[in-house]
Amino acid sequence: MVLFLQTPHLDLVAATLLHAEAELGGPRQVARLLGVTVPKDWPPPGISRQFIEGFRSRMRADGPAAIGWYAWYAVCRGAALQPSALVGAAAFFGQPDPQGVVELGFTILPEYRGRRHGVEMVSTLAGHALADQRVRRVVSDARARDRATLAVLRHCGFHPEGELEPGIVRMIRCLGDPDATDDGGDDEQEDDS
């Protein structure tokens, strides 16, 4: 099963076990599987081999129902003579918990920031999650000093729920909250989580 979502500029592809295996094999295998250009510095910082192995184990344990509740690839569609390129990734950290909460993390590669890819990806994935009858809230944690990530989340209708620990802000978007993607601000100019 392949789960695929589109935004105005991105194709979002939900990772499967095949994708996790390709990730462990390196960027060339990811490029072949997705049929896109993959930067040589893939995966981005924060996505370690151990992280990928953990997702693979959880996806294996959860079976086909896990597709869409773990990693997602953000592919910028090619134009004219340019090939499609892998520009970022996002991940839910599993299926909804009993309270209807899912956690979302994301990153856009530095050379693709400032193009609203983060806003498109986060808005689409949060909306997709909230369309599932089991989900009531999508949360995302960010460093308080990471203005770019916080801006992306605010653009997408998230608001602060509070500090989890010093320097870490939990942002939340609830079922019924507006999707605030049209406030016109910049995004992704600094760090991206």
Protein backbone atom coordinates (compact mmCIF):
# COMPACT_ATOMS: atom_id res chain seq x y z
CA MET A 1 0.00 0.00 0.00
CA VAL A 2 1.29 3.47 -0.89
CA LEU A 3 -0.12 6.55 0.80
CA PHE A 4 0.47 9.72 -1.15
CA LEU A 5 -0.68 13.30 -0.49
CA GLN A 6 -0.18 16.37 -2.69
CA THR A 7 0.27 20.04 -1.88
CA PRO A 8 0.69 22.85 -4.43
CA HIS A 9 4.44 22.10 -4.72
CA LEU A 10 5.09 18.84 -2.90
CA ASP A 11 4.32 15.17 -3.13
CA LEU A 12 4.20 13.67 0.35
CA VAL A 13 4.96 9.94 0.39
CA ALA A 14 4.31 7.85 3.49
CA ALA A 15 7.22 5.56 4.30
CA THR A 16 6.79 1.81 4.24
CA LEU A 17 9.12 -0.97 5.36
CA LEU A 18 10.69 -0.81 1.88
CA HIS A 19 11.54 2.85 2.46
CA ALA A 20 13.07 2.08 5.87
CA GLU A 21 15.22 -0.64 4.30
CA ALA A 22 16.28 1.76 1.53
CA GLU A 23 17.19 4.40 4.14
CA LEU A 24 19.46 1.90 5.86
CA GLY A 25 21.09 1.19 2.47
CA GLY A 26 21.92 4.85 1.84
CA PRO A 27 20.83 7.81 -0.29
CA ARG A 28 21.22 6.00 -3.63
CA GLN A 29 18.71 3.34 -2.60
CA VAL A 30 16.29 6.02 -1.40
CA ALA A 31 16.68 7.84 -4.74
CA ARG A 32 15.96 4.65 -6.69
CA LEU A 33 12.91 3.76 -4.62
CA LEU A 34 11.38 7.25 -4.73
CA GLY A 35 12.51 8.01 -8.29
CA VAL A 36 13.87 11.42 -7.26
CA THR A 37 17.12 13.28 -6.72
CA VAL A 38 18.36 12.78 -3.16
CA PRO A 39 20.93 15.17 -1.70
CA LYS A 40 24.28 13.61 -0.83
CA ASP A 41 23.89 14.72 2.80
CA TRP A 42 20.66 12.72 3.23
CA PRO A 43 19.35 11.91 5.81
CA PRO A 44 19.12 15.28 7.54
CA PRO A 45 20.64 15.90 10.99
CA GLY A 46 18.61 14.27 13.73
CA ILE A 47 17.67 11.28 11.59
CA SER A 48 20.25 8.71 12.64
CA ARG A 49 20.58 5.06 11.71
CA GLN A 50 19.26 4.21 15.20
CA PHE A 51 16.22 6.46 14.59
CA ILE A 52 15.50 4.72 11.26
CA GLU A 53 15.92 1.27 12.81
CA GLY A 54 13.46 2.25 15.55
CA PHE A 55 10.87 3.33 12.99
CA ARG A 56 11.43 0.13 11.03
CA SER A 57 10.86 -1.98 14.15
CA ARG A 58 7.69 -0.12 15.09
CA MET A 59 6.35 -0.28 11.52
CA ARG A 60 7.05 -4.01 11.44
CA ALA A 61 5.23 -4.51 14.76
CA ASP A 62 2.23 -2.38 13.74
CA GLY A 63 1.88 -3.90 10.26
CA PRO A 64 0.12 -2.18 7.34
CA ALA A 65 -1.94 -0.02 9.72
CA ALA A 66 1.29 1.86 10.52
CA ILE A 67 1.65 3.34 7.03
CA GLY A 68 1.12 7.08 7.37
CA TRP A 69 1.73 7.13 11.14
CA TYR A 70 5.51 7.23 10.94
CA ALA A 71 7.84 8.79 8.37
CA TRP A 72 6.87 10.90 5.35
CA TYR A 73 9.05 12.12 2.49
CA ALA A 74 8.60 15.62 1.06
CA VAL A 75 9.37 15.61 -2.66
CA CYS A 76 9.35 18.88 -4.60
CA ARG A 77 7.95 18.12 -8.04
CA GLY A 78 10.32 18.87 -10.89
CA ALA A 79 9.63 21.64 -13.37
CA ALA A 80 10.80 21.99 -16.96
CA LEU A 81 14.20 20.29 -17.08
CA GLN A 82 14.61 19.89 -13.32
CA PRO A 83 14.04 16.49 -11.71
CA SER A 84 11.89 16.03 -8.64
CA ALA A 85 13.97 16.37 -5.46
CA LEU A 86 13.72 15.13 -1.90
CA VAL A 87 13.55 18.35 0.14
CA GLY A 88 12.55 17.22 3.61
CA ALA A 89 10.84 14.74 5.85
CA ALA A 90 8.25 14.59 8.57
CA ALA A 91 7.15 11.92 10.98
CA PHE A 92 4.33 11.12 13.29
CA PHE A 93 5.65 9.20 16.25
CA GLY A 94 3.09 6.43 15.94
CA GLN A 95 -0.62 5.95 15.72
CA PRO A 96 -3.00 8.04 17.86
CA ASP A 97 -2.82 7.37 21.59
CA PRO A 98 -6.01 6.60 23.59
CA GLN A 99 -6.56 10.36 24.14
CA GLY A 100 -6.48 10.99 20.38
CA VAL A 101 -3.05 12.65 20.33
CA VAL A 102 -0.36 12.26 17.67
CA GLU A 103 3.03 13.96 17.66
CA LEU A 104 4.53 15.44 14.49
CA GLY A 105 8.15 16.37 13.80
CA PHE A 106 9.56 17.77 10.56
CA THR A 107 12.64 19.06 8.80
CA ILE A 108 13.35 20.83 5.54
CA LEU A 109 16.88 20.63 4.15
CA PRO A 110 18.70 23.98 4.45
CA GLU A 111 18.98 24.58 0.70
CA TYR A 112 15.16 24.31 0.35
CA ARG A 113 14.11 26.51 3.28
CA GLY A 114 12.31 29.80 2.78
CA ARG A 115 10.07 28.38 0.04
CA ARG A 116 7.08 27.51 2.28
CA HIS A 117 7.71 23.76 1.92
CA GLY A 118 7.53 23.39 5.71
CA VAL A 119 4.17 25.14 5.82
CA GLU A 120 2.76 22.99 3.01
CA MET A 121 4.03 19.78 4.57
CA VAL A 122 2.97 20.47 8.17
CA SER A 123 -0.42 21.89 7.23
CA THR A 124 -1.24 18.94 4.97
CA LEU A 125 -0.05 16.28 7.42
CA ALA A 126 -1.80 17.89 10.41
CA GLY A 127 -5.02 18.13 8.39
CA HIS A 128 -4.63 14.54 7.24
CA ALA A 129 -4.18 13.34 10.82
CA LEU A 130 -7.13 15.37 12.12
CA ALA A 131 -9.34 13.86 9.41
CA ASP A 132 -8.87 10.48 11.13
CA GLN A 133 -11.76 9.98 13.57
CA ARG A 134 -9.33 8.78 16.27
CA VAL A 135 -7.32 12.03 16.30
CA ARG A 136 -8.30 15.02 18.41
CA ARG A 137 -4.94 16.81 18.73
CA VAL A 138 -1.67 17.06 16.82
CA VAL A 139 1.29 18.20 18.90
CA SER A 140 4.78 19.25 17.89
CA ASP A 141 7.67 20.13 20.18
CA ALA A 142 10.18 22.82 19.24
CA ARG A 143 13.10 24.61 20.81
CA ALA A 144 11.93 27.99 22.11
CA ARG A 145 14.81 29.71 20.25
CA ASP A 146 13.91 28.02 16.93
CA ARG A 147 11.85 30.87 15.52
CA ALA A 148 11.58 29.31 12.07
CA THR A 149 10.01 26.06 13.28
CA LEU A 150 7.67 27.93 15.61
CA ALA A 151 6.66 30.21 12.71
CA VAL A 152 5.87 27.21 10.50
CA LEU A 153 3.72 25.70 13.24
CA ARG A 154 1.88 28.99 13.84
CA HIS A 155 1.28 29.37 10.08
CA CYS A 156 -0.37 25.94 10.23
CA GLY A 157 -2.79 26.75 13.03
CA PHE A 158 -0.74 25.45 15.98
CA HIS A 159 -0.61 27.42 19.20
CA PRO A 160 1.56 27.06 22.31
CA GLU A 161 0.32 24.65 24.95
CA GLY A 162 3.24 25.32 27.28
CA GLU A 163 6.84 24.46 28.02
CA LEU A 164 7.58 20.75 28.39
CA GLU A 165 10.95 21.56 29.91
CA PRO A 166 13.12 24.65 29.89
CA GLY A 167 13.62 25.74 26.30
CA ILE A 168 11.17 23.24 24.73
CA VAL A 169 7.72 24.49 23.69
CA ARG A 170 4.82 22.15 22.95
CA MET A 171 2.69 23.46 20.10
CA ILE A 172 -0.78 22.04 19.54
CA ARG A 173 -3.47 22.01 16.87
CA CYS A 174 -6.85 20.60 17.86
CA LEU A 175 -9.73 19.21 15.88
CA GLY A 176 -11.81 22.20 14.79
CA ASP A 177 -8.94 24.72 15.02
CA PRO A 178 -8.55 26.83 11.87
CA ASP A 179 -5.66 26.10 9.53
CA ALA A 180 -3.89 29.46 9.58
CA THR A 181 -1.60 29.03 6.55
CA ASP A 182 -2.44 32.31 4.85
CA ASP A 183 -0.94 34.85 7.26
CA GLY A 184 1.85 35.64 4.81
CA GLY A 185 4.93 35.45 7.08
CA ASP A 186 8.30 33.93 6.22
CA ASP A 187 9.29 30.49 7.33
CA GLU A 188 12.31 28.24 7.59
CA GLN A 189 15.05 30.84 7.65
CA GLU A 190 16.83 29.44 10.70
CA ASP A 191 16.87 26.06 12.39
CA ASP A 192 14.26 23.51 11.46
CA SER A 193 13.33 20.66 13.73
